[in-house]
């Protein structure tokens, strides 16, 4: 079994004095931001195409649920998929 590398061995970035962030964490954060923005846009467009009067609330509110956790945001997406008007 290999020991985990120390923080000094990883490629790091210091955005603020006293704060050290590994480069992998920055890539993960960027991927989550892209997921967050894309999800809101997709839900808004889907709800608008289906004629929902609540399109902007779904599109804007769903990504905001990530504050409660990514699992809550994914649960809201499932709820949206169950409640939307089917064609």
C-alpha atoms as a PDB file:
ATOM      1  CA  UNK A   1       0.000   0.000   0.000  1.00  0.00           C
ATOM      2  CA  UNK A   2       1.311   3.422  -0.953  1.00  0.00           C
ATOM      3  CA  UNK A   3       1.338   6.263   1.555  1.00  0.00           C
ATOM      4  CA  UNK A   4      -0.619   9.379   0.622  1.00  0.00           C
ATOM      5  CA  UNK A   5       1.583  12.232  -0.607  1.00  0.00           C
ATOM      6  CA  UNK A   6       2.085  15.123   1.718  1.00  0.00           C
ATOM      7  CA  UNK A   7       0.683  18.527   0.809  1.00  0.00           C
ATOM      8  CA  UNK A   8       4.213  19.711   0.044  1.00  0.00           C
ATOM      9  CA  UNK A   9       4.499  17.093  -2.727  1.00  0.00           C
ATOM     10  CA  UNK A  10       1.270  18.158  -4.461  1.00  0.00           C
ATOM     11  CA  UNK A  11       0.993  21.041  -6.895  1.00  0.00           C
ATOM     12  CA  UNK A  12      -0.547  23.765  -4.761  1.00  0.00           C
ATOM     13  CA  UNK A  13      -1.923  27.277  -5.107  1.00  0.00           C
ATOM     14  CA  UNK A  14      -2.164  29.960  -2.422  1.00  0.00           C
ATOM     15  CA  UNK A  15      -5.120  32.275  -3.149  1.00  0.00           C
ATOM     16  CA  UNK A  16      -4.848  33.962   0.254  1.00  0.00           C
ATOM     17  CA  UNK A  17      -2.076  34.102   2.834  1.00  0.00           C
ATOM     18  CA  UNK A  18      -2.346  31.045   5.044  1.00  0.00           C
ATOM     19  CA  UNK A  19      -4.671  29.184   2.628  1.00  0.00           C
ATOM     20  CA  UNK A  20      -3.211  26.388   0.526  1.00  0.00           C
ATOM     21  CA  UNK A  21      -5.315  24.634  -2.103  1.00  0.00           C
ATOM     22  CA  UNK A  22      -4.248  21.634  -4.160  1.00  0.00           C
ATOM     23  CA  UNK A  23      -4.595  22.071  -7.923  1.00  0.00           C
ATOM     24  CA  UNK A  24      -6.870  19.007  -8.117  1.00  0.00           C
ATOM     25  CA  UNK A  25      -9.332  20.748  -5.806  1.00  0.00           C
ATOM     26  CA  UNK A  26      -9.426  23.736  -8.156  1.00  0.00           C
ATOM     27  CA  UNK A  27     -10.240  21.456 -11.099  1.00  0.00           C
ATOM     28  CA  UNK A  28     -13.029  19.826  -9.081  1.00  0.00           C
ATOM     29  CA  UNK A  29     -14.418  23.228  -8.115  1.00  0.00           C
ATOM     30  CA  UNK A  30     -14.366  24.370 -11.755  1.00  0.00           C
ATOM     31  CA  UNK A  31     -16.189  21.196 -12.840  1.00  0.00           C
ATOM     32  CA  UNK A  32     -18.855  21.695 -10.175  1.00  0.00           C
ATOM     33  CA  UNK A  33     -19.373  25.327 -11.246  1.00  0.00           C
ATOM     34  CA  UNK A  34     -19.856  24.218 -14.855  1.00  0.00           C
ATOM     35  CA  UNK A  35     -22.323  21.531 -13.711  1.00  0.00           C
ATOM     36  CA  UNK A  36     -24.163  24.085 -11.581  1.00  0.00           C
ATOM     37  CA  UNK A  37     -24.531  26.628 -14.400  1.00  0.00           C
ATOM     38  CA  UNK A  38     -25.405  24.044 -17.047  1.00  0.00           C
ATOM     39  CA  UNK A  39     -28.028  22.400 -14.861  1.00  0.00           C
ATOM     40  CA  UNK A  40     -29.844  25.674 -14.191  1.00  0.00           C
ATOM     41  CA  UNK A  41     -29.830  26.607 -17.864  1.00  0.00           C
ATOM     42  CA  UNK A  42     -31.060  23.157 -18.919  1.00  0.00           C
ATOM     43  CA  UNK A  43     -33.913  23.117 -16.407  1.00  0.00           C
ATOM     44  CA  UNK A  44     -34.978  26.660 -17.344  1.00  0.00           C
ATOM     45  CA  UNK A  45     -34.964  25.869 -21.072  1.00  0.00           C
ATOM     46  CA  UNK A  46     -36.813  22.574 -20.584  1.00  0.00           C
ATOM     47  CA  UNK A  47     -39.485  24.154 -18.383  1.00  0.00           C
ATOM     48  CA  UNK A  48     -39.927  27.078 -20.788  1.00  0.00           C
ATOM     49  CA  UNK A  49     -40.234  24.732 -23.790  1.00  0.00           C
ATOM     50  CA  UNK A  50     -42.917  22.798 -21.944  1.00  0.00           C
ATOM     51  CA  UNK A  51     -44.880  25.997 -21.261  1.00  0.00           C
ATOM     52  CA  UNK A  52     -44.334  26.137 -17.508  1.00  0.00           C
ATOM     53  CA  UNK A  53     -45.190  29.410 -15.781  1.00  0.00           C
ATOM     54  CA  UNK A  54     -42.592  28.492 -13.157  1.00  0.00           C
ATOM     55  CA  UNK A  55     -39.678  28.141 -15.595  1.00  0.00           C
ATOM     56  CA  UNK A  56     -37.452  30.852 -14.142  1.00  0.00           C
ATOM     57  CA  UNK A  57     -38.108  29.669 -10.574  1.00  0.00           C
ATOM     58  CA  UNK A  58     -37.061  26.123 -11.482  1.00  0.00           C
ATOM     59  CA  UNK A  59     -34.065  27.322 -13.464  1.00  0.00           C
ATOM     60  CA  UNK A  60     -32.853  29.764 -10.831  1.00  0.00           C
ATOM     61  CA  UNK A  61     -33.878  27.899  -7.684  1.00  0.00           C
ATOM     62  CA  UNK A  62     -32.569  24.446  -8.469  1.00  0.00           C
ATOM     63  CA  UNK A  63     -28.873  25.454  -8.634  1.00  0.00           C
ATOM     64  CA  UNK A  64     -29.316  27.452  -5.422  1.00  0.00           C
ATOM     65  CA  UNK A  65     -30.147  24.240  -3.565  1.00  0.00           C
ATOM     66  CA  UNK A  66     -26.465  23.292  -3.869  1.00  0.00           C
ATOM     67  CA  UNK A  67     -26.059  25.442  -0.738  1.00  0.00           C
ATOM     68  CA  UNK A  68     -27.780  22.614   1.148  1.00  0.00           C
ATOM     69  CA  UNK A  69     -25.533  20.055  -0.555  1.00  0.00           C
ATOM     70  CA  UNK A  70     -25.045  18.500  -3.951  1.00  0.00           C
ATOM     71  CA  UNK A  71     -27.236  15.555  -2.966  1.00  0.00           C
ATOM     72  CA  UNK A  72     -30.134  17.930  -2.221  1.00  0.00           C
ATOM     73  CA  UNK A  73     -29.639  19.604  -5.618  1.00  0.00           C
ATOM     74  CA  UNK A  74     -29.775  16.233  -7.359  1.00  0.00           C
ATOM     75  CA  UNK A  75     -32.919  15.351  -5.380  1.00  0.00           C
ATOM     76  CA  UNK A  76     -34.560  18.584  -6.591  1.00  0.00           C
ATOM     77  CA  UNK A  77     -33.645  17.648 -10.177  1.00  0.00           C
ATOM     78  CA  UNK A  78     -35.381  14.278  -9.715  1.00  0.00           C
ATOM     79  CA  UNK A  79     -38.426  16.058  -8.246  1.00  0.00           C
ATOM     80  CA  UNK A  80     -38.485  18.396 -11.262  1.00  0.00           C
ATOM     81  CA  UNK A  81     -38.312  15.453 -13.654  1.00  0.00           C
ATOM     82  CA  UNK A  82     -41.258  13.807 -11.873  1.00  0.00           C
ATOM     83  CA  UNK A  83     -43.401  16.969 -11.724  1.00  0.00           C
ATOM     84  CA  UNK A  84     -42.843  18.428 -15.195  1.00  0.00           C
ATOM     85  CA  UNK A  85     -45.527  18.224 -17.857  1.00  0.00           C
ATOM     86  CA  UNK A  86     -44.944  15.263 -20.097  1.00  0.00           C
ATOM     87  CA  UNK A  87     -45.563  15.629 -23.818  1.00  0.00           C
END
